[in-house]
Amino acid sequence: MGDVGLLLSGATLFLNSLMLLGKADNKSVGVFNLFVGLLQIIFPIYLIAVSNQDHWTIFNLACVFLFGLTYLFVGIINLTGIDGSGLGWFSLWVSIIAVVYMIVSLVHNHDIINAITWAMWAYLWFLFFLSMALNKKIDIYIGKVAFVQSWVTLTIPSLFSLTGAWKIEYVSNIWIYVQVISLVYFCFCTGKIMLAANNRKSEQDLSVSS
């Protein structure tokens, strides 16, 4: 279920990125969010109920709710048109929890790839907070970040796991470089946004002074 859940999350984030980029309709994407969100609420509840109740088992299953509730929230907002500030503040909370999972992955599991993945997810949820709670006009930027993450953190890793490719050592080594390149791309996009903002401010200052 874990790998299949990651694959479905990749599809959902991919569609959400296209929506943010203005390529897909909000309501049609919202329906898919509801479908995957419900699956990622129902199945973790069942798996926790039938598990051995070990705290690490529950810890690993609990993270699925972060995605499921986010997708449900997005779907409801898209279909009803209600204010999204609640999702924004929820995303801030989730980004903090994602940092905890990042630290556990690094310190307890010694899993660099998973740690970087959680760091990337924490960043994405924080961007949703900036957009939906603080009304920052960064939807295009979030769309680009979400598009990359839909493939780098979800879709391709789930396919690697389903096909057993993670057992090949050089695959995991290469993937660390892919993640680093993705982070560099995010920094590049951030720099472009900051430069554009500074240019607009300079133009405004010049217009006021003249």
C-alpha atoms as a PDB file:
ATOM      1  CA  MET A   1       0.000   0.000   0.000  1.00  0.00           C
ATOM      2  CA  GLY A   2       2.866   2.381   0.793  1.00  0.00           C
ATOM      3  CA  ASP A   3       4.325   2.374  -2.719  1.00  0.00           C
ATOM      4  CA  VAL A   4       0.894   2.539  -4.338  1.00  0.00           C
ATOM      5  CA  GLY A   5       0.012   5.452  -2.042  1.00  0.00           C
ATOM      6  CA  LEU A   6       3.167   7.281  -3.117  1.00  0.00           C
ATOM      7  CA  LEU A   7       2.286   6.680  -6.763  1.00  0.00           C
ATOM      8  CA  LEU A   8      -1.219   8.113  -6.286  1.00  0.00           C
ATOM      9  CA  SER A   9       0.203  11.044  -4.343  1.00  0.00           C
ATOM     10  CA  GLY A  10       2.538  11.696  -7.258  1.00  0.00           C
ATOM     11  CA  ALA A  11      -0.415  11.792  -9.637  1.00  0.00           C
ATOM     12  CA  THR A  12      -2.341  14.133  -7.351  1.00  0.00           C
ATOM     13  CA  LEU A  13       0.561  16.521  -6.845  1.00  0.00           C
ATOM     14  CA  PHE A  14       1.213  16.472 -10.601  1.00  0.00           C
ATOM     15  CA  LEU A  15      -2.389  17.525 -11.283  1.00  0.00           C
ATOM     16  CA  ASN A  16      -2.249  20.140  -8.532  1.00  0.00           C
ATOM     17  CA  SER A  17       0.898  21.604 -10.065  1.00  0.00           C
ATOM     18  CA  LEU A  18      -0.806  21.876 -13.451  1.00  0.00           C
ATOM     19  CA  MET A  19      -3.759  23.574 -11.764  1.00  0.00           C
ATOM     20  CA  LEU A  20      -1.465  26.129 -10.126  1.00  0.00           C
ATOM     21  CA  LEU A  21       0.204  26.734 -13.485  1.00  0.00           C
ATOM     22  CA  GLY A  22      -3.194  27.368 -15.071  1.00  0.00           C
ATOM     23  CA  LYS A  23      -3.148  24.200 -17.177  1.00  0.00           C
ATOM     24  CA  ALA A  24      -5.948  22.228 -15.475  1.00  0.00           C
ATOM     25  CA  ASP A  25      -9.427  23.039 -14.227  1.00  0.00           C
ATOM     26  CA  ASN A  26      -9.796  23.509 -10.448  1.00  0.00           C
ATOM     27  CA  LYS A  27     -12.960  21.425 -10.077  1.00  0.00           C
ATOM     28  CA  SER A  28     -11.787  18.451 -12.117  1.00  0.00           C
ATOM     29  CA  VAL A  29      -8.514  18.399 -10.177  1.00  0.00           C
ATOM     30  CA  GLY A  30     -10.529  18.781  -6.974  1.00  0.00           C
ATOM     31  CA  VAL A  31     -12.447  15.566  -7.688  1.00  0.00           C
ATOM     32  CA  PHE A  32      -9.191  13.625  -8.024  1.00  0.00           C
ATOM     33  CA  ASN A  33      -7.920  15.173  -4.778  1.00  0.00           C
ATOM     34  CA  LEU A  34     -11.042  13.957  -2.977  1.00  0.00           C
ATOM     35  CA  PHE A  35     -10.661  10.443  -4.382  1.00  0.00           C
ATOM     36  CA  VAL A  36      -7.004  10.041  -3.378  1.00  0.00           C
ATOM     37  CA  GLY A  37      -7.507  11.904  -0.096  1.00  0.00           C
ATOM     38  CA  LEU A  38     -10.237   9.481   0.984  1.00  0.00           C
ATOM     39  CA  LEU A  39      -8.057   6.484   0.105  1.00  0.00           C
ATOM     40  CA  GLN A  40      -5.193   7.925   2.143  1.00  0.00           C
ATOM     41  CA  ILE A  41      -7.445   8.316   5.160  1.00  0.00           C
ATOM     42  CA  ILE A  42      -9.260   4.966   5.010  1.00  0.00           C
ATOM     43  CA  PHE A  43      -6.309   2.658   4.343  1.00  0.00           C
ATOM     44  CA  PRO A  44      -3.958   4.036   7.053  1.00  0.00           C
ATOM     45  CA  ILE A  45      -6.761   3.706   9.627  1.00  0.00           C
ATOM     46  CA  TYR A  46      -7.221   0.054   8.625  1.00  0.00           C
ATOM     47  CA  LEU A  47      -3.469  -0.672   8.582  1.00  0.00           C
ATOM     48  CA  ILE A  48      -2.987   0.910  12.009  1.00  0.00           C
ATOM     49  CA  ALA A  49      -5.950  -1.048  13.393  1.00  0.00           C
ATOM     50  CA  VAL A  50      -4.536  -4.410  12.236  1.00  0.00           C
ATOM     51  CA  SER A  51      -0.889  -3.579  13.019  1.00  0.00           C
ATOM     52  CA  ASN A  52       1.121  -4.834  15.993  1.00  0.00           C
ATOM     53  CA  GLN A  53       0.704  -1.338  17.529  1.00  0.00           C
ATOM     54  CA  ASP A  54       4.456  -0.834  17.629  1.00  0.00           C
ATOM     55  CA  HIS A  55       5.103   2.914  17.927  1.00  0.00           C
ATOM     56  CA  TRP A  56       7.416   3.021  14.900  1.00  0.00           C
ATOM     57  CA  THR A  57       4.834   1.209  12.771  1.00  0.00           C
ATOM     58  CA  ILE A  58       2.199   3.758  13.743  1.00  0.00           C
ATOM     59  CA  PHE A  59       4.682   6.607  13.241  1.00  0.00           C
ATOM     60  CA  ASN A  60       5.404   5.462   9.691  1.00  0.00           C
ATOM     61  CA  LEU A  61       1.704   5.029   8.846  1.00  0.00           C
ATOM     62  CA  ALA A  62       0.622   8.293  10.468  1.00  0.00           C
ATOM     63  CA  CYS A  63       2.476  10.391   7.893  1.00  0.00           C
ATOM     64  CA  VAL A  64       0.023   9.219   5.215  1.00  0.00           C
ATOM     65  CA  PHE A  65      -2.686  11.264   6.943  1.00  0.00           C
ATOM     66  CA  LEU A  66      -0.683  14.419   6.244  1.00  0.00           C
ATOM     67  CA  PHE A  67      -1.145  13.839   2.526  1.00  0.00           C
ATOM     68  CA  GLY A  68      -4.686  12.498   2.772  1.00  0.00           C
ATOM     69  CA  LEU A  69      -6.016  15.436   4.776  1.00  0.00           C
ATOM     70  CA  THR A  70      -4.216  17.928   2.538  1.00  0.00           C
ATOM     71  CA  TYR A  71      -5.710  16.412  -0.600  1.00  0.00           C
ATOM     72  CA  LEU A  72      -9.186  16.282   0.962  1.00  0.00           C
ATOM     73  CA  PHE A  73      -8.845  19.924   1.991  1.00  0.00           C
ATOM     74  CA  VAL A  74      -7.735  20.951  -1.515  1.00  0.00           C
ATOM     75  CA  GLY A  75     -10.578  18.993  -3.106  1.00  0.00           C
ATOM     76  CA  ILE A  76     -13.234  20.555  -0.887  1.00  0.00           C
ATOM     77  CA  ILE A  77     -11.889  24.076  -1.471  1.00  0.00           C
ATOM     78  CA  ASN A  78     -11.773  23.565  -5.235  1.00  0.00           C
ATOM     79  CA  LEU A  79     -15.298  22.186  -5.423  1.00  0.00           C
ATOM     80  CA  THR A  80     -16.989  24.584  -2.978  1.00  0.00           C
ATOM     81  CA  GLY A  81     -14.940  27.758  -3.432  1.00  0.00           C
ATOM     82  CA  ILE A  82     -14.583  28.328   0.329  1.00  0.00           C
ATOM     83  CA  ASP A  83     -11.752  30.405   1.729  1.00  0.00           C
ATOM     84  CA  GLY A  84      -8.435  28.556   1.722  1.00  0.00           C
ATOM     85  CA  SER A  85      -6.792  30.253   4.708  1.00  0.00           C
ATOM     86  CA  GLY A  86      -7.587  27.248   6.904  1.00  0.00           C
ATOM     87  CA  LEU A  87      -5.634  25.008   4.549  1.00  0.00           C
ATOM     88  CA  GLY A  88      -2.817  27.540   4.645  1.00  0.00           C
ATOM     89  CA  TRP A  89      -2.488  27.395   8.420  1.00  0.00           C
ATOM     90  CA  PHE A  90      -2.893  23.613   8.366  1.00  0.00           C
ATOM     91  CA  SER A  91      -0.024  23.507   5.850  1.00  0.00           C
ATOM     92  CA  LEU A  92       2.192  25.409   8.291  1.00  0.00           C
ATOM     93  CA  TRP A  93       1.464  22.786  10.951  1.00  0.00           C
ATOM     94  CA  VAL A  94       2.158  19.973   8.483  1.00  0.00           C
ATOM     95  CA  SER A  95       5.443  21.568   7.390  1.00  0.00           C
ATOM     96  CA  ILE A  96       6.590  21.513  11.029  1.00  0.00           C
ATOM     97  CA  ILE A  97       5.613  17.840  11.367  1.00  0.00           C
ATOM     98  CA  ALA A  98       7.451  17.125   8.099  1.00  0.00           C
ATOM     99  CA  VAL A  99      10.625  18.577   9.633  1.00  0.00           C
ATOM    100  CA  VAL A 100      10.231  16.105  12.511  1.00  0.00           C
ATOM    101  CA  TYR A 101       9.981  13.231  10.013  1.00  0.00           C
ATOM    102  CA  MET A 102      13.055  14.604   8.246  1.00  0.00           C
ATOM    103  CA  ILE A 103      15.050  14.582  11.487  1.00  0.00           C
ATOM    104  CA  VAL A 104      13.900  11.048  12.367  1.00  0.00           C
ATOM    105  CA  SER A 105      14.826   9.821   8.885  1.00  0.00           C
ATOM    106  CA  LEU A 106      18.300  11.275   9.239  1.00  0.00           C
ATOM    107  CA  VAL A 107      19.074  10.526  12.896  1.00  0.00           C
ATOM    108  CA  HIS A 108      17.162   7.303  13.551  1.00  0.00           C
ATOM    109  CA  ASN A 109      17.007   5.655  10.128  1.00  0.00           C
ATOM    110  CA  HIS A 110      20.205   7.145   8.642  1.00  0.00           C
ATOM    111  CA  ASP A 111      18.283   7.562   5.391  1.00  0.00           C
ATOM    112  CA  ILE A 112      19.619  10.579   3.499  1.00  0.00           C
ATOM    113  CA  ILE A 113      17.228  10.242   0.561  1.00  0.00           C
ATOM    114  CA  ASN A 114      14.167  10.095   2.800  1.00  0.00           C
ATOM    115  CA  ALA A 115      15.466  12.997   4.884  1.00  0.00           C
ATOM    116  CA  ILE A 116      15.934  15.197   1.814  1.00  0.00           C
ATOM    117  CA  THR A 117      12.512  14.116   0.566  1.00  0.00           C
ATOM    118  CA  TRP A 118      10.849  15.201   3.806  1.00  0.00           C
ATOM    119  CA  ALA A 119      12.762  18.488   3.680  1.00  0.00           C
ATOM    120  CA  MET A 120      11.386  19.115   0.198  1.00  0.00           C
ATOM    121  CA  TRP A 121       7.852  18.292   1.316  1.00  0.00           C
ATOM    122  CA  ALA A 122       8.205  20.581   4.332  1.00  0.00           C
ATOM    123  CA  TYR A 123       9.235  23.379   1.982  1.00  0.00           C
ATOM    124  CA  LEU A 124       6.262  22.760  -0.317  1.00  0.00           C
ATOM    125  CA  TRP A 125       3.758  22.799   2.542  1.00  0.00           C
ATOM    126  CA  PHE A 126       5.373  26.004   3.836  1.00  0.00           C
ATOM    127  CA  LEU A 127       4.842  27.564   0.401  1.00  0.00           C
ATOM    128  CA  PHE A 128       1.149  26.646   0.619  1.00  0.00           C
ATOM    129  CA  PHE A 129       1.077  28.444   3.970  1.00  0.00           C
ATOM    130  CA  LEU A 130       2.611  31.555   2.424  1.00  0.00           C
ATOM    131  CA  SER A 131       0.144  31.484  -0.455  1.00  0.00           C
ATOM    132  CA  MET A 132      -3.110  30.575   1.256  1.00  0.00           C
ATOM    133  CA  ALA A 133      -2.692  32.005   4.763  1.00  0.00           C
ATOM    134  CA  LEU A 134      -0.522  35.056   4.063  1.00  0.00           C
ATOM    135  CA  ASN A 135      -1.859  35.717   0.535  1.00  0.00           C
ATOM    136  CA  LYS A 136       1.543  35.761  -1.150  1.00  0.00           C
ATOM    137  CA  LYS A 137       1.155  35.767  -4.936  1.00  0.00           C
ATOM    138  CA  ILE A 138       3.451  32.852  -5.652  1.00  0.00           C
ATOM    139  CA  ASP A 139       1.120  30.291  -7.255  1.00  0.00           C
ATOM    140  CA  ILE A 140       3.236  29.963 -10.419  1.00  0.00           C
ATOM    141  CA  TYR A 141       6.344  29.376  -8.334  1.00  0.00           C
ATOM    142  CA  ILE A 142       4.524  26.791  -6.182  1.00  0.00           C
ATOM    143  CA  GLY A 143       3.308  25.114  -9.366  1.00  0.00           C
ATOM    144  CA  LYS A 144       6.886  24.705 -10.592  1.00  0.00           C
ATOM    145  CA  VAL A 145       8.068  23.331  -7.246  1.00  0.00           C
ATOM    146  CA  ALA A 146       5.083  20.961  -7.015  1.00  0.00           C
ATOM    147  CA  PHE A 147       5.632  19.743 -10.585  1.00  0.00           C
ATOM    148  CA  VAL A 148       9.247  18.799  -9.881  1.00  0.00           C
ATOM    149  CA  GLN A 149       8.403  17.222  -6.536  1.00  0.00           C
ATOM    150  CA  SER A 150       5.559  15.182  -8.005  1.00  0.00           C
ATOM    151  CA  TRP A 151       8.167  13.290 -10.023  1.00  0.00           C
ATOM    152  CA  VAL A 152      11.308  13.489  -7.879  1.00  0.00           C
ATOM    153  CA  THR A 153       9.798  12.724  -4.462  1.00  0.00           C
ATOM    154  CA  LEU A 154       6.758  10.609  -5.316  1.00  0.00           C
ATOM    155  CA  THR A 155       6.167   9.161  -8.791  1.00  0.00           C
ATOM    156  CA  ILE A 156       9.636   7.961  -9.769  1.00  0.00           C
ATOM    157  CA  PRO A 157      10.646   6.752  -6.257  1.00  0.00           C
ATOM    158  CA  SER A 158       7.398   4.767  -6.017  1.00  0.00           C
ATOM    159  CA  LEU A 159       8.148   3.130  -9.383  1.00  0.00           C
ATOM    160  CA  PHE A 160      11.699   2.376  -8.228  1.00  0.00           C
ATOM    161  CA  SER A 161      10.315   0.710  -5.118  1.00  0.00           C
ATOM    162  CA  LEU A 162       7.614  -1.227  -6.978  1.00  0.00           C
ATOM    163  CA  THR A 163      10.157  -2.597  -9.464  1.00  0.00           C
ATOM    164  CA  GLY A 164      12.848  -3.258  -6.847  1.00  0.00           C
ATOM    165  CA  ALA A 165      15.247  -0.719  -8.356  1.00  0.00           C
ATOM    166  CA  TRP A 166      16.067   0.747  -4.937  1.00  0.00           C
ATOM    167  CA  LYS A 167      17.995  -2.456  -4.202  1.00  0.00           C
ATOM    168  CA  ILE A 168      20.527  -1.381  -6.837  1.00  0.00           C
ATOM    169  CA  GLU A 169      23.114   0.717  -5.020  1.00  0.00           C
ATOM    170  CA  TYR A 170      23.972   3.107  -7.834  1.00  0.00           C
ATOM    171  CA  VAL A 171      20.294   4.002  -8.303  1.00  0.00           C
ATOM    172  CA  SER A 172      20.012   5.412  -4.793  1.00  0.00           C
ATOM    173  CA  ASN A 173      23.353   7.192  -5.181  1.00  0.00           C
ATOM    174  CA  ILE A 174      22.211   8.818  -8.418  1.00  0.00           C
ATOM    175  CA  TRP A 175      18.931   9.846  -6.789  1.00  0.00           C
ATOM    176  CA  ILE A 176      20.744  11.895  -4.157  1.00  0.00           C
ATOM    177  CA  TYR A 177      22.251  13.952  -6.999  1.00  0.00           C
ATOM    178  CA  VAL A 178      18.811  14.283  -8.606  1.00  0.00           C
ATOM    179  CA  GLN A 179      17.441  15.639  -5.330  1.00  0.00           C
ATOM    180  CA  VAL A 180      20.321  18.094  -5.002  1.00  0.00           C
ATOM    181  CA  ILE A 181      19.766  19.315  -8.573  1.00  0.00           C
ATOM    182  CA  SER A 182      16.086  19.800  -7.739  1.00  0.00           C
ATOM    183  CA  LEU A 183      17.012  21.892  -4.695  1.00  0.00           C
ATOM    184  CA  VAL A 184      19.342  23.997  -6.843  1.00  0.00           C
ATOM    185  CA  TYR A 185      16.465  24.537  -9.285  1.00  0.00           C
ATOM    186  CA  PHE A 186      14.221  25.694  -6.437  1.00  0.00           C
ATOM    187  CA  CYS A 187      16.928  28.153  -5.335  1.00  0.00           C
ATOM    188  CA  PHE A 188      17.245  29.408  -8.913  1.00  0.00           C
ATOM    189  CA  CYS A 189      13.482  29.996  -9.170  1.00  0.00           C
ATOM    190  CA  THR A 190      13.508  31.734  -5.782  1.00  0.00           C
ATOM    191  CA  GLY A 191      16.327  33.992  -6.928  1.00  0.00           C
ATOM    192  CA  LYS A 192      14.370  34.951 -10.045  1.00  0.00           C
ATOM    193  CA  ILE A 193      11.326  35.862  -7.950  1.00  0.00           C
ATOM    194  CA  MET A 194      13.399  37.969  -5.555  1.00  0.00           C
ATOM    195  CA  LEU A 195      15.163  39.716  -8.434  1.00  0.00           C
ATOM    196  CA  ALA A 196      11.849  40.469 -10.163  1.00  0.00           C
ATOM    197  CA  ALA A 197      10.436  41.832  -6.885  1.00  0.00           C
ATOM    198  CA  ASN A 198      13.474  44.061  -6.401  1.00  0.00           C
ATOM    199  CA  ASN A 199      13.184  45.341  -9.975  1.00  0.00           C
ATOM    200  CA  ARG A 200       9.503  46.183  -9.465  1.00  0.00           C
ATOM    201  CA  LYS A 201      10.307  48.001  -6.246  1.00  0.00           C
ATOM    202  CA  SER A 202      13.063  49.973  -7.956  1.00  0.00           C
ATOM    203  CA  GLU A 203      10.701  50.943 -10.787  1.00  0.00           C
ATOM    204  CA  GLN A 204       8.085  52.050  -8.287  1.00  0.00           C
ATOM    205  CA  ASP A 205      10.637  54.125  -6.375  1.00  0.00           C
ATOM    206  CA  LEU A 206      11.776  55.775  -9.601  1.00  0.00           C
ATOM    207  CA  SER A 207       8.205  56.557 -10.626  1.00  0.00           C
ATOM    208  CA  VAL A 208       7.469  58.100  -7.214  1.00  0.00           C
ATOM    209  CA  SER A 209      10.649  60.179  -7.192  1.00  0.00           C
ATOM    210  CA  SER A 210      10.012  61.449 -10.717  1.00  0.00           C
END
